[in-house]
């Protein structure tokens, strides 16, 4: 999951074609869609006043919101949209690892 996100978030990222961006965006959306229920389930199992629970649930909410958005017109808007999805992927994986103690 992190590999696709990294491709968009590294400082010296290679330029993407429109087709590559479309493929990568779909992949990132799939990663978010898979990770959200897992992270949410683990977070909800924690006590209500638990800080990691609150942080993970905030991340889940933001990731869901990002899934509902569509990029604006043009390649730069598509890249910005995909970068936001990539940041959500990284955050969800971080929460998954922190809540489960395993790598994904």
PDB file of N, CA and C in Angstrom:
ATOM      1  N   UNK A   1       0.825  -1.199   0.000  1.00  0.00           N
ATOM      2  CA  UNK A   1       0.000   0.000   0.000  1.00  0.00           C
ATOM      3  C   UNK A   1       0.866   1.260   0.000  1.00  0.00           C
ATOM      4  N   UNK A   2       1.908   1.212   0.796  1.00  0.00           N
ATOM      5  CA  UNK A   2       2.747   2.418   0.891  1.00  0.00           C
ATOM      6  C   UNK A   2       3.493   2.715  -0.411  1.00  0.00           C
ATOM      7  N   UNK A   3       3.790   1.677  -1.180  1.00  0.00           N
ATOM      8  CA  UNK A   3       4.566   1.876  -2.409  1.00  0.00           C
ATOM      9  C   UNK A   3       3.845   2.811  -3.387  1.00  0.00           C
ATOM     10  N   UNK A   4       2.565   2.580  -3.601  1.00  0.00           N
ATOM     11  CA  UNK A   4       1.806   3.448  -4.496  1.00  0.00           C
ATOM     12  C   UNK A   4       1.723   4.861  -3.967  1.00  0.00           C
ATOM     13  N   UNK A   5       1.536   4.994  -2.663  1.00  0.00           N
ATOM     14  CA  UNK A   5       1.476   6.325  -2.053  1.00  0.00           C
ATOM     15  C   UNK A   5       2.814   7.041  -2.202  1.00  0.00           C
ATOM     16  N   UNK A   6       3.874   6.306  -1.975  1.00  0.00           N
ATOM     17  CA  UNK A   6       5.214   6.895  -2.059  1.00  0.00           C
ATOM     18  C   UNK A   6       5.478   7.469  -3.446  1.00  0.00           C
ATOM     19  N   UNK A   7       4.971   6.805  -4.444  1.00  0.00           N
ATOM     20  CA  UNK A   7       5.210   7.248  -5.831  1.00  0.00           C
ATOM     21  C   UNK A   7       4.714   8.673  -6.059  1.00  0.00           C
ATOM     22  N   UNK A   8       3.676   9.060  -5.335  1.00  0.00           N
ATOM     23  CA  UNK A   8       3.128  10.408  -5.484  1.00  0.00           C
ATOM     24  C   UNK A   8       3.690  11.407  -4.484  1.00  0.00           C
ATOM     25  N   UNK A   9       4.210  10.922  -3.386  1.00  0.00           N
ATOM     26  CA  UNK A   9       4.562  11.829  -2.296  1.00  0.00           C
ATOM     27  C   UNK A   9       6.042  12.134  -2.167  1.00  0.00           C
ATOM     28  N   UNK A  10       6.895  11.393  -2.858  1.00  0.00           N
ATOM     29  CA  UNK A  10       8.324  11.703  -2.768  1.00  0.00           C
ATOM     30  C   UNK A  10       8.606  13.026  -3.465  1.00  0.00           C
ATOM     31  N   UNK A  11       9.607  13.711  -2.953  1.00  0.00           N
ATOM     32  CA  UNK A  11       9.912  15.035  -3.466  1.00  0.00           C
ATOM     33  C   UNK A  11      10.315  15.034  -4.939  1.00  0.00           C
ATOM     34  N   UNK A  12      11.049  14.014  -5.358  1.00  0.00           N
ATOM     35  CA  UNK A  12      11.521  13.937  -6.738  1.00  0.00           C
ATOM     36  C   UNK A  12      10.698  12.942  -7.560  1.00  0.00           C
ATOM     37  N   UNK A  13       9.386  12.956  -7.336  1.00  0.00           N
ATOM     38  CA  UNK A  13       8.493  12.012  -8.022  1.00  0.00           C
ATOM     39  C   UNK A  13       8.571  12.203  -9.533  1.00  0.00           C
ATOM     40  N   UNK A  14       8.569  11.082 -10.230  1.00  0.00           N
ATOM     41  CA  UNK A  14       8.568  11.136 -11.689  1.00  0.00           C
ATOM     42  C   UNK A  14       7.202  11.607 -12.171  1.00  0.00           C
ATOM     43  N   UNK A  15       7.181  12.421 -13.239  1.00  0.00           N
ATOM     44  CA  UNK A  15       5.895  12.862 -13.782  1.00  0.00           C
ATOM     45  C   UNK A  15       5.055  11.677 -14.250  1.00  0.00           C
ATOM     46  N   UNK A  16       3.764  11.772 -14.064  1.00  0.00           N
ATOM     47  CA  UNK A  16       2.840  10.714 -14.470  1.00  0.00           C
ATOM     48  C   UNK A  16       2.079  11.125 -15.720  1.00  0.00           C
ATOM     49  N   UNK A  17       1.793  10.155 -16.548  1.00  0.00           N
ATOM     50  CA  UNK A  17       0.888  10.397 -17.664  1.00  0.00           C
ATOM     51  C   UNK A  17      -0.538  10.349 -17.113  1.00  0.00           C
ATOM     52  N   UNK A  18      -1.482  10.786 -17.902  1.00  0.00           N
ATOM     53  CA  UNK A  18      -2.881  10.752 -17.481  1.00  0.00           C
ATOM     54  C   UNK A  18      -3.332   9.315 -17.213  1.00  0.00           C
ATOM     55  N   UNK A  19      -2.892   8.383 -18.044  1.00  0.00           N
ATOM     56  CA  UNK A  19      -3.261   6.977 -17.843  1.00  0.00           C
ATOM     57  C   UNK A  19      -2.645   6.407 -16.566  1.00  0.00           C
ATOM     58  N   UNK A  20      -1.377   6.716 -16.322  1.00  0.00           N
ATOM     59  CA  UNK A  20      -0.723   6.253 -15.097  1.00  0.00           C
ATOM     60  C   UNK A  20      -1.412   6.829 -13.862  1.00  0.00           C
ATOM     61  N   UNK A  21      -1.763   8.104 -13.943  1.00  0.00           N
ATOM     62  CA  UNK A  21      -2.441   8.749 -12.828  1.00  0.00           C
ATOM     63  C   UNK A  21      -3.800   8.106 -12.570  1.00  0.00           C
ATOM     64  N   UNK A  22      -4.525   7.814 -13.626  1.00  0.00           N
ATOM     65  CA  UNK A  22      -5.827   7.173 -13.485  1.00  0.00           C
ATOM     66  C   UNK A  22      -5.693   5.808 -12.807  1.00  0.00           C
ATOM     67  N   UNK A  23      -4.716   5.037 -13.233  1.00  0.00           N
ATOM     68  CA  UNK A  23      -4.483   3.710 -12.654  1.00  0.00           C
ATOM     69  C   UNK A  23      -4.069   3.821 -11.185  1.00  0.00           C
ATOM     70  N   UNK A  24      -3.155   4.721 -10.898  1.00  0.00           N
ATOM     71  CA  UNK A  24      -2.669   4.893  -9.542  1.00  0.00           C
ATOM     72  C   UNK A  24      -3.775   5.414  -8.619  1.00  0.00           C
ATOM     73  N   UNK A  25      -4.583   6.327  -9.105  1.00  0.00           N
ATOM     74  CA  UNK A  25      -5.700   6.853  -8.315  1.00  0.00           C
ATOM     75  C   UNK A  25      -6.689   5.746  -7.983  1.00  0.00           C
ATOM     76  N   UNK A  26      -7.010   4.912  -8.955  1.00  0.00           N
ATOM     77  CA  UNK A  26      -7.923   3.786  -8.703  1.00  0.00           C
ATOM     78  C   UNK A  26      -7.320   2.829  -7.673  1.00  0.00           C
ATOM     79  N   UNK A  27      -6.037   2.583  -7.774  1.00  0.00           N
ATOM     80  CA  UNK A  27      -5.361   1.712  -6.817  1.00  0.00           C
ATOM     81  C   UNK A  27      -5.422   2.305  -5.412  1.00  0.00           C
ATOM     82  N   UNK A  28      -5.145   3.591  -5.291  1.00  0.00           N
ATOM     83  CA  UNK A  28      -5.186   4.252  -3.986  1.00  0.00           C
ATOM     84  C   UNK A  28      -6.592   4.244  -3.402  1.00  0.00           C
ATOM     85  N   UNK A  29      -7.589   4.486  -4.244  1.00  0.00           N
ATOM     86  CA  UNK A  29      -8.979   4.435  -3.780  1.00  0.00           C
ATOM     87  C   UNK A  29      -9.305   3.033  -3.253  1.00  0.00           C
ATOM     88  N   UNK A  30      -8.830   2.022  -3.936  1.00  0.00           N
ATOM     89  CA  UNK A  30      -9.040   0.649  -3.481  1.00  0.00           C
ATOM     90  C   UNK A  30      -8.365   0.385  -2.144  1.00  0.00           C
ATOM     91  N   UNK A  31      -7.150   0.888  -1.985  1.00  0.00           N
ATOM     92  CA  UNK A  31      -6.441   0.723  -0.717  1.00  0.00           C
ATOM     93  C   UNK A  31      -7.210   1.382   0.428  1.00  0.00           C
ATOM     94  N   UNK A  32      -7.697   2.598   0.183  1.00  0.00           N
ATOM     95  CA  UNK A  32      -8.463   3.305   1.211  1.00  0.00           C
ATOM     96  C   UNK A  32      -9.732   2.521   1.540  1.00  0.00           C
ATOM     97  N   UNK A  33     -10.430   2.068   0.509  1.00  0.00           N
ATOM     98  CA  UNK A  33     -11.681   1.335   0.724  1.00  0.00           C
ATOM     99  C   UNK A  33     -11.461   0.055   1.530  1.00  0.00           C
ATOM    100  N   UNK A  34     -10.321  -0.588   1.349  1.00  0.00           N
ATOM    101  CA  UNK A  34     -10.011  -1.815   2.101  1.00  0.00           C
ATOM    102  C   UNK A  34      -9.574  -1.489   3.525  1.00  0.00           C
ATOM    103  N   UNK A  35      -8.772  -0.459   3.695  1.00  0.00           N
ATOM    104  CA  UNK A  35      -8.196  -0.148   5.004  1.00  0.00           C
ATOM    105  C   UNK A  35      -9.197   0.482   5.963  1.00  0.00           C
ATOM    106  N   UNK A  36     -10.120   1.291   5.458  1.00  0.00           N
ATOM    107  CA  UNK A  36     -11.058   2.006   6.330  1.00  0.00           C
ATOM    108  C   UNK A  36     -11.815   1.063   7.270  1.00  0.00           C
ATOM    109  N   UNK A  37     -12.475   0.018   6.768  1.00  0.00           N
ATOM    110  CA  UNK A  37     -13.215  -0.838   7.700  1.00  0.00           C
ATOM    111  C   UNK A  37     -12.320  -1.540   8.724  1.00  0.00           C
ATOM    112  N   UNK A  38     -11.122  -1.933   8.317  1.00  0.00           N
ATOM    113  CA  UNK A  38     -10.201  -2.597   9.244  1.00  0.00           C
ATOM    114  C   UNK A  38      -9.789  -1.661  10.374  1.00  0.00           C
ATOM    115  N   UNK A  39      -9.377  -0.454  10.013  1.00  0.00           N
ATOM    116  CA  UNK A  39      -8.940   0.521  11.018  1.00  0.00           C
ATOM    117  C   UNK A  39     -10.116   0.914  11.906  1.00  0.00           C
ATOM    118  N   UNK A  40     -11.264   1.110  11.311  1.00  0.00           N
ATOM    119  CA  UNK A  40     -12.433   1.504  12.092  1.00  0.00           C
ATOM    120  C   UNK A  40     -12.812   0.413  13.098  1.00  0.00           C
ATOM    121  N   UNK A  41     -12.804  -0.825  12.678  1.00  0.00           N
ATOM    122  CA  UNK A  41     -13.146  -1.942  13.572  1.00  0.00           C
ATOM    123  C   UNK A  41     -12.182  -2.011  14.750  1.00  0.00           C
ATOM    124  N   UNK A  42     -10.893  -1.887  14.457  1.00  0.00           N
ATOM    125  CA  UNK A  42      -9.904  -1.936  15.537  1.00  0.00           C
ATOM    126  C   UNK A  42     -10.055  -0.742  16.481  1.00  0.00           C
ATOM    127  N   UNK A  43     -10.302   0.440  15.919  1.00  0.00           N
ATOM    128  CA  UNK A  43     -10.440   1.636  16.750  1.00  0.00           C
ATOM    129  C   UNK A  43     -11.678   1.549  17.638  1.00  0.00           C
ATOM    130  N   UNK A  44     -12.779   1.068  17.100  1.00  0.00           N
ATOM    131  CA  UNK A  44     -14.011   0.978  17.877  1.00  0.00           C
ATOM    132  C   UNK A  44     -13.920  -0.035  19.012  1.00  0.00           C
ATOM    133  N   UNK A  45     -12.963  -0.934  18.937  1.00  0.00           N
ATOM    134  CA  UNK A  45     -12.771  -1.918  20.004  1.00  0.00           C
ATOM    135  C   UNK A  45     -12.065  -1.315  21.220  1.00  0.00           C
ATOM    136  N   UNK A  46     -11.485  -0.126  21.046  1.00  0.00           N
ATOM    137  CA  UNK A  46     -10.780   0.537  22.142  1.00  0.00           C
ATOM    138  C   UNK A  46     -11.765   1.315  23.013  1.00  0.00           C
ATOM    139  N   UNK A  47     -11.372   1.627  24.246  1.00  0.00           N
ATOM    140  CA  UNK A  47     -12.245   2.442  25.105  1.00  0.00           C
ATOM    141  C   UNK A  47     -12.552   3.794  24.470  1.00  0.00           C
ATOM    142  N   UNK A  48     -13.731   4.321  24.760  1.00  0.00           N
ATOM    143  CA  UNK A  48     -14.169   5.566  24.127  1.00  0.00           C
ATOM    144  C   UNK A  48     -13.258   6.755  24.413  1.00  0.00           C
ATOM    145  N   UNK A  49     -12.589   6.763  25.545  1.00  0.00           N
ATOM    146  CA  UNK A  49     -11.729   7.897  25.894  1.00  0.00           C
ATOM    147  C   UNK A  49     -10.272   7.682  25.474  1.00  0.00           C
ATOM    148  N   UNK A  50     -10.014   6.685  24.669  1.00  0.00           N
ATOM    149  CA  UNK A  50      -8.674   6.351  24.230  1.00  0.00           C
ATOM    150  C   UNK A  50      -8.230   7.293  23.107  1.00  0.00           C
ATOM    151  N   UNK A  51      -7.068   7.898  23.261  1.00  0.00           N
ATOM    152  CA  UNK A  51      -6.569   8.855  22.265  1.00  0.00           C
ATOM    153  C   UNK A  51      -6.295   8.184  20.919  1.00  0.00           C
ATOM    154  N   UNK A  52      -5.621   7.023  20.867  1.00  0.00           N
ATOM    155  CA  UNK A  52      -5.424   6.378  19.567  1.00  0.00           C
ATOM    156  C   UNK A  52      -6.748   6.065  18.860  1.00  0.00           C
ATOM    157  N   UNK A  53      -7.784   5.745  19.618  1.00  0.00           N
ATOM    158  CA  UNK A  53      -9.104   5.505  19.020  1.00  0.00           C
ATOM    159  C   UNK A  53      -9.597   6.771  18.326  1.00  0.00           C
ATOM    160  N   UNK A  54      -9.539   7.892  19.036  1.00  0.00           N
ATOM    161  CA  UNK A  54     -10.023   9.157  18.472  1.00  0.00           C
ATOM    162  C   UNK A  54      -9.235   9.544  17.227  1.00  0.00           C
ATOM    163  N   UNK A  55      -7.926   9.375  17.281  1.00  0.00           N
ATOM    164  CA  UNK A  55      -7.088   9.719  16.125  1.00  0.00           C
ATOM    165  C   UNK A  55      -7.405   8.828  14.929  1.00  0.00           C
ATOM    166  N   UNK A  56      -7.535   7.539  15.185  1.00  0.00           N
ATOM    167  CA  UNK A  56      -7.825   6.600  14.090  1.00  0.00           C
ATOM    168  C   UNK A  56      -9.192   6.879  13.485  1.00  0.00           C
ATOM    169  N   UNK A  57     -10.187   7.162  14.319  1.00  0.00           N
ATOM    170  CA  UNK A  57     -11.527   7.437  13.794  1.00  0.00           C
ATOM    171  C   UNK A  57     -11.567   8.750  13.015  1.00  0.00           C
ATOM    172  N   UNK A  58     -10.785   9.736  13.436  1.00  0.00           N
ATOM    173  CA  UNK A  58     -10.692  10.981  12.666  1.00  0.00           C
ATOM    174  C   UNK A  58     -10.078  10.706  11.295  1.00  0.00           C
ATOM    175  N   UNK A  59      -9.064   9.871  11.266  1.00  0.00           N
ATOM    176  CA  UNK A  59      -8.426   9.491  10.009  1.00  0.00           C
ATOM    177  C   UNK A  59      -9.412   8.759   9.103  1.00  0.00           C
ATOM    178  N   UNK A  60     -10.184   7.849   9.676  1.00  0.00           N
ATOM    179  CA  UNK A  60     -11.197   7.109   8.916  1.00  0.00           C
ATOM    180  C   UNK A  60     -12.214   8.070   8.312  1.00  0.00           C
ATOM    181  N   UNK A  61     -12.660   9.038   9.101  1.00  0.00           N
ATOM    182  CA  UNK A  61     -13.627  10.014   8.598  1.00  0.00           C
ATOM    183  C   UNK A  61     -13.073  10.832   7.447  1.00  0.00           C
ATOM    184  N   UNK A  62     -11.834  11.270   7.591  1.00  0.00           N
ATOM    185  CA  UNK A  62     -11.213  12.048   6.518  1.00  0.00           C
ATOM    186  C   UNK A  62     -11.013  11.197   5.271  1.00  0.00           C
ATOM    187  N   UNK A  63     -10.606   9.957   5.452  1.00  0.00           N
ATOM    188  CA  UNK A  63     -10.403   9.067   4.302  1.00  0.00           C
ATOM    189  C   UNK A  63     -11.720   8.824   3.569  1.00  0.00           C
ATOM    190  N   UNK A  64     -12.792   8.617   4.316  1.00  0.00           N
ATOM    191  CA  UNK A  64     -14.110   8.443   3.678  1.00  0.00           C
ATOM    192  C   UNK A  64     -14.515   9.684   2.894  1.00  0.00           C
ATOM    193  N   UNK A  65     -14.251  10.850   3.473  1.00  0.00           N
ATOM    194  CA  UNK A  65     -14.567  12.094   2.779  1.00  0.00           C
ATOM    195  C   UNK A  65     -13.777  12.198   1.481  1.00  0.00           C
ATOM    196  N   UNK A  66     -12.517  11.837   1.523  1.00  0.00           N
ATOM    197  CA  UNK A  66     -11.681  11.900   0.322  1.00  0.00           C
ATOM    198  C   UNK A  66     -12.157  10.921  -0.745  1.00  0.00           C
ATOM    199  N   UNK A  67     -12.685   9.781  -0.326  1.00  0.00           N
ATOM    200  CA  UNK A  67     -13.231   8.832  -1.295  1.00  0.00           C
ATOM    201  C   UNK A  67     -14.445   9.402  -2.014  1.00  0.00           C
ATOM    202  N   UNK A  68     -15.155  10.288  -1.368  1.00  0.00           N
ATOM    203  CA  UNK A  68     -16.369  10.846  -1.963  1.00  0.00           C
ATOM    204  C   UNK A  68     -16.072  11.995  -2.929  1.00  0.00           C
ATOM    205  N   UNK A  69     -14.842  12.462  -2.949  1.00  0.00           N
ATOM    206  CA  UNK A  69     -14.473  13.592  -3.802  1.00  0.00           C
ATOM    207  C   UNK A  69     -13.975  13.125  -5.164  1.00  0.00           C
ATOM    208  N   UNK A  70     -14.138  13.973  -6.136  1.00  0.00           N
ATOM    209  CA  UNK A  70     -13.612  13.743  -7.483  1.00  0.00           C
ATOM    210  C   UNK A  70     -12.596  14.841  -7.788  1.00  0.00           C
ATOM    211  N   UNK A  71     -11.575  14.532  -8.573  1.00  0.00           N
ATOM    212  CA  UNK A  71     -10.578  15.557  -8.904  1.00  0.00           C
ATOM    213  C   UNK A  71     -11.170  16.610  -9.835  1.00  0.00           C
ATOM    214  N   UNK A  72     -10.580  17.784  -9.780  1.00  0.00           N
ATOM    215  CA  UNK A  72     -10.953  18.832 -10.712  1.00  0.00           C
ATOM    216  C   UNK A  72     -10.397  18.515 -12.089  1.00  0.00           C
ATOM    217  N   UNK A  73     -10.683  19.363 -13.060  1.00  0.00           N
ATOM    218  CA  UNK A  73     -10.201  19.112 -14.420  1.00  0.00           C
ATOM    219  C   UNK A  73      -8.689  19.337 -14.538  1.00  0.00           C
ATOM    220  N   UNK A  74      -8.081  18.534 -15.368  1.00  0.00           N
ATOM    221  CA  UNK A  74      -6.663  18.706 -15.668  1.00  0.00           C
ATOM    222  C   UNK A  74      -5.759  17.820 -14.843  1.00  0.00           C
ATOM    223  N   UNK A  75      -4.578  17.594 -15.362  1.00  0.00           N
ATOM    224  CA  UNK A  75      -3.594  16.723 -14.725  1.00  0.00           C
ATOM    225  C   UNK A  75      -3.147  17.238 -13.354  1.00  0.00           C
ATOM    226  N   UNK A  76      -2.851  18.542 -13.186  1.00  0.00           N
ATOM    227  CA  UNK A  76      -2.426  19.011 -11.855  1.00  0.00           C
ATOM    228  C   UNK A  76      -3.488  18.765 -10.767  1.00  0.00           C
ATOM    229  N   UNK A  77      -4.750  18.968 -11.094  1.00  0.00           N
ATOM    230  CA  UNK A  77      -5.819  18.720 -10.116  1.00  0.00           C
ATOM    231  C   UNK A  77      -5.923  17.229  -9.820  1.00  0.00           C
ATOM    232  N   UNK A  78      -5.737  16.398 -10.821  1.00  0.00           N
ATOM    233  CA  UNK A  78      -5.764  14.952 -10.617  1.00  0.00           C
ATOM    234  C   UNK A  78      -4.621  14.484  -9.741  1.00  0.00           C
ATOM    235  N   UNK A  79      -3.463  15.070  -9.948  1.00  0.00           N
ATOM    236  CA  UNK A  79      -2.305  14.711  -9.121  1.00  0.00           C
ATOM    237  C   UNK A  79      -2.544  15.144  -7.676  1.00  0.00           C
ATOM    238  N   UNK A  80      -3.063  16.349  -7.475  1.00  0.00           N
ATOM    239  CA  UNK A  80      -3.336  16.823  -6.118  1.00  0.00           C
ATOM    240  C   UNK A  80      -4.348  15.911  -5.421  1.00  0.00           C
ATOM    241  N   UNK A  81      -5.363  15.495  -6.144  1.00  0.00           N
ATOM    242  CA  UNK A  81      -6.373  14.589  -5.597  1.00  0.00           C
ATOM    243  C   UNK A  81      -5.732  13.251  -5.212  1.00  0.00           C
ATOM    244  N   UNK A  82      -4.923  12.706  -6.089  1.00  0.00           N
ATOM    245  CA  UNK A  82      -4.258  11.435  -5.820  1.00  0.00           C
ATOM    246  C   UNK A  82      -3.286  11.559  -4.646  1.00  0.00           C
ATOM    247  N   UNK A  83      -2.624  12.700  -4.521  1.00  0.00           N
ATOM    248  CA  UNK A  83      -1.726  12.911  -3.394  1.00  0.00           C
ATOM    249  C   UNK A  83      -2.490  12.911  -2.069  1.00  0.00           C
ATOM    250  N   UNK A  84      -3.664  13.498  -2.055  1.00  0.00           N
ATOM    251  CA  UNK A  84      -4.486  13.477  -0.837  1.00  0.00           C
ATOM    252  C   UNK A  84      -4.890  12.043  -0.502  1.00  0.00           C
ATOM    253  N   UNK A  85      -5.261  11.269  -1.515  1.00  0.00           N
ATOM    254  CA  UNK A  85      -5.574   9.850  -1.274  1.00  0.00           C
ATOM    255  C   UNK A  85      -4.347   9.112  -0.748  1.00  0.00           C
ATOM    256  N   UNK A  86      -3.189   9.414  -1.310  1.00  0.00           N
ATOM    257  CA  UNK A  86      -1.947   8.761  -0.880  1.00  0.00           C
ATOM    258  C   UNK A  86      -1.647   9.076   0.582  1.00  0.00           C
ATOM    259  N   UNK A  87      -1.870  10.320   1.000  1.00  0.00           N
ATOM    260  CA  UNK A  87      -1.663  10.671   2.403  1.00  0.00           C
ATOM    261  C   UNK A  87      -2.636   9.918   3.295  1.00  0.00           C
ATOM    262  N   UNK A  88      -3.876   9.733   2.828  1.00  0.00           N
ATOM    263  CA  UNK A  88      -4.841   8.940   3.597  1.00  0.00           C
ATOM    264  C   UNK A  88      -4.398   7.491   3.698  1.00  0.00           C
ATOM    265  N   UNK A  89      -3.889   6.931   2.611  1.00  0.00           N
ATOM    266  CA  UNK A  89      -3.385   5.556   2.645  1.00  0.00           C
ATOM    267  C   UNK A  89      -2.286   5.425   3.694  1.00  0.00           C
ATOM    268  N   UNK A  90      -1.323   6.333   3.661  1.00  0.00           N
ATOM    269  CA  UNK A  90      -0.229   6.269   4.635  1.00  0.00           C
ATOM    270  C   UNK A  90      -0.743   6.384   6.064  1.00  0.00           C
ATOM    271  N   UNK A  91      -1.659   7.306   6.289  1.00  0.00           N
ATOM    272  CA  UNK A  91      -2.195   7.495   7.642  1.00  0.00           C
ATOM    273  C   UNK A  91      -2.970   6.265   8.103  1.00  0.00           C
ATOM    274  N   UNK A  92      -3.776   5.683   7.221  1.00  0.00           N
ATOM    275  CA  UNK A  92      -4.529   4.489   7.586  1.00  0.00           C
ATOM    276  C   UNK A  92      -3.604   3.320   7.901  1.00  0.00           C
ATOM    277  N   UNK A  93      -2.561   3.157   7.116  1.00  0.00           N
ATOM    278  CA  UNK A  93      -1.604   2.080   7.373  1.00  0.00           C
ATOM    279  C   UNK A  93      -0.894   2.323   8.710  1.00  0.00           C
ATOM    280  N   UNK A  94      -0.542   3.574   8.981  1.00  0.00           N
ATOM    281  CA  UNK A  94       0.068   3.891  10.276  1.00  0.00           C
ATOM    282  C   UNK A  94      -0.860   3.485  11.422  1.00  0.00           C
ATOM    283  N   UNK A  95      -2.125   3.857  11.317  1.00  0.00           N
ATOM    284  CA  UNK A  95      -3.084   3.509  12.371  1.00  0.00           C
ATOM    285  C   UNK A  95      -3.261   2.002  12.470  1.00  0.00           C
ATOM    286  N   UNK A  96      -3.335   1.337  11.338  1.00  0.00           N
ATOM    287  CA  UNK A  96      -3.469  -0.125  11.342  1.00  0.00           C
ATOM    288  C   UNK A  96      -2.297  -0.759  12.093  1.00  0.00           C
ATOM    289  N   UNK A  97      -1.098  -0.315  11.761  1.00  0.00           N
ATOM    290  CA  UNK A  97       0.102  -0.856  12.417  1.00  0.00           C
ATOM    291  C   UNK A  97       0.100  -0.552  13.909  1.00  0.00           C
ATOM    292  N   UNK A  98      -0.264   0.673  14.252  1.00  0.00           N
ATOM    293  CA  UNK A  98      -0.263   1.065  15.660  1.00  0.00           C
ATOM    294  C   UNK A  98      -1.326   0.299  16.457  1.00  0.00           C
ATOM    295  N   UNK A  99      -2.479   0.083  15.864  1.00  0.00           N
ATOM    296  CA  UNK A  99      -3.567  -0.572  16.594  1.00  0.00           C
ATOM    297  C   UNK A  99      -3.408  -2.095  16.636  1.00  0.00           C
ATOM    298  N   UNK A 100      -2.753  -2.657  15.625  1.00  0.00           N
ATOM    299  CA  UNK A 100      -2.633  -4.113  15.586  1.00  0.00           C
ATOM    300  C   UNK A 100      -1.248  -4.624  15.950  1.00  0.00           C
ATOM    301  N   UNK A 101      -0.286  -3.745  15.852  1.00  0.00           N
ATOM    302  CA  UNK A 101       1.085  -4.160  16.132  1.00  0.00           C
ATOM    303  C   UNK A 101       1.701  -4.965  15.007  1.00  0.00           C
ATOM    304  N   UNK A 102       1.116  -4.898  13.785  1.00  0.00           N
ATOM    305  CA  UNK A 102       1.672  -5.652  12.655  1.00  0.00           C
ATOM    306  C   UNK A 102       1.858  -4.735  11.455  1.00  0.00           C
ATOM    307  N   UNK A 103       2.638  -5.208  10.511  1.00  0.00           N
ATOM    308  CA  UNK A 103       2.851  -4.470   9.256  1.00  0.00           C
ATOM    309  C   UNK A 103       1.860  -4.926   8.217  1.00  0.00           C
ATOM    310  N   UNK A 104       1.576  -4.030   7.304  1.00  0.00           N
ATOM    311  CA  UNK A 104       0.642  -4.354   6.236  1.00  0.00           C
ATOM    312  C   UNK A 104       1.289  -4.098   4.909  1.00  0.00           C
TER     313      UNK A 104
END
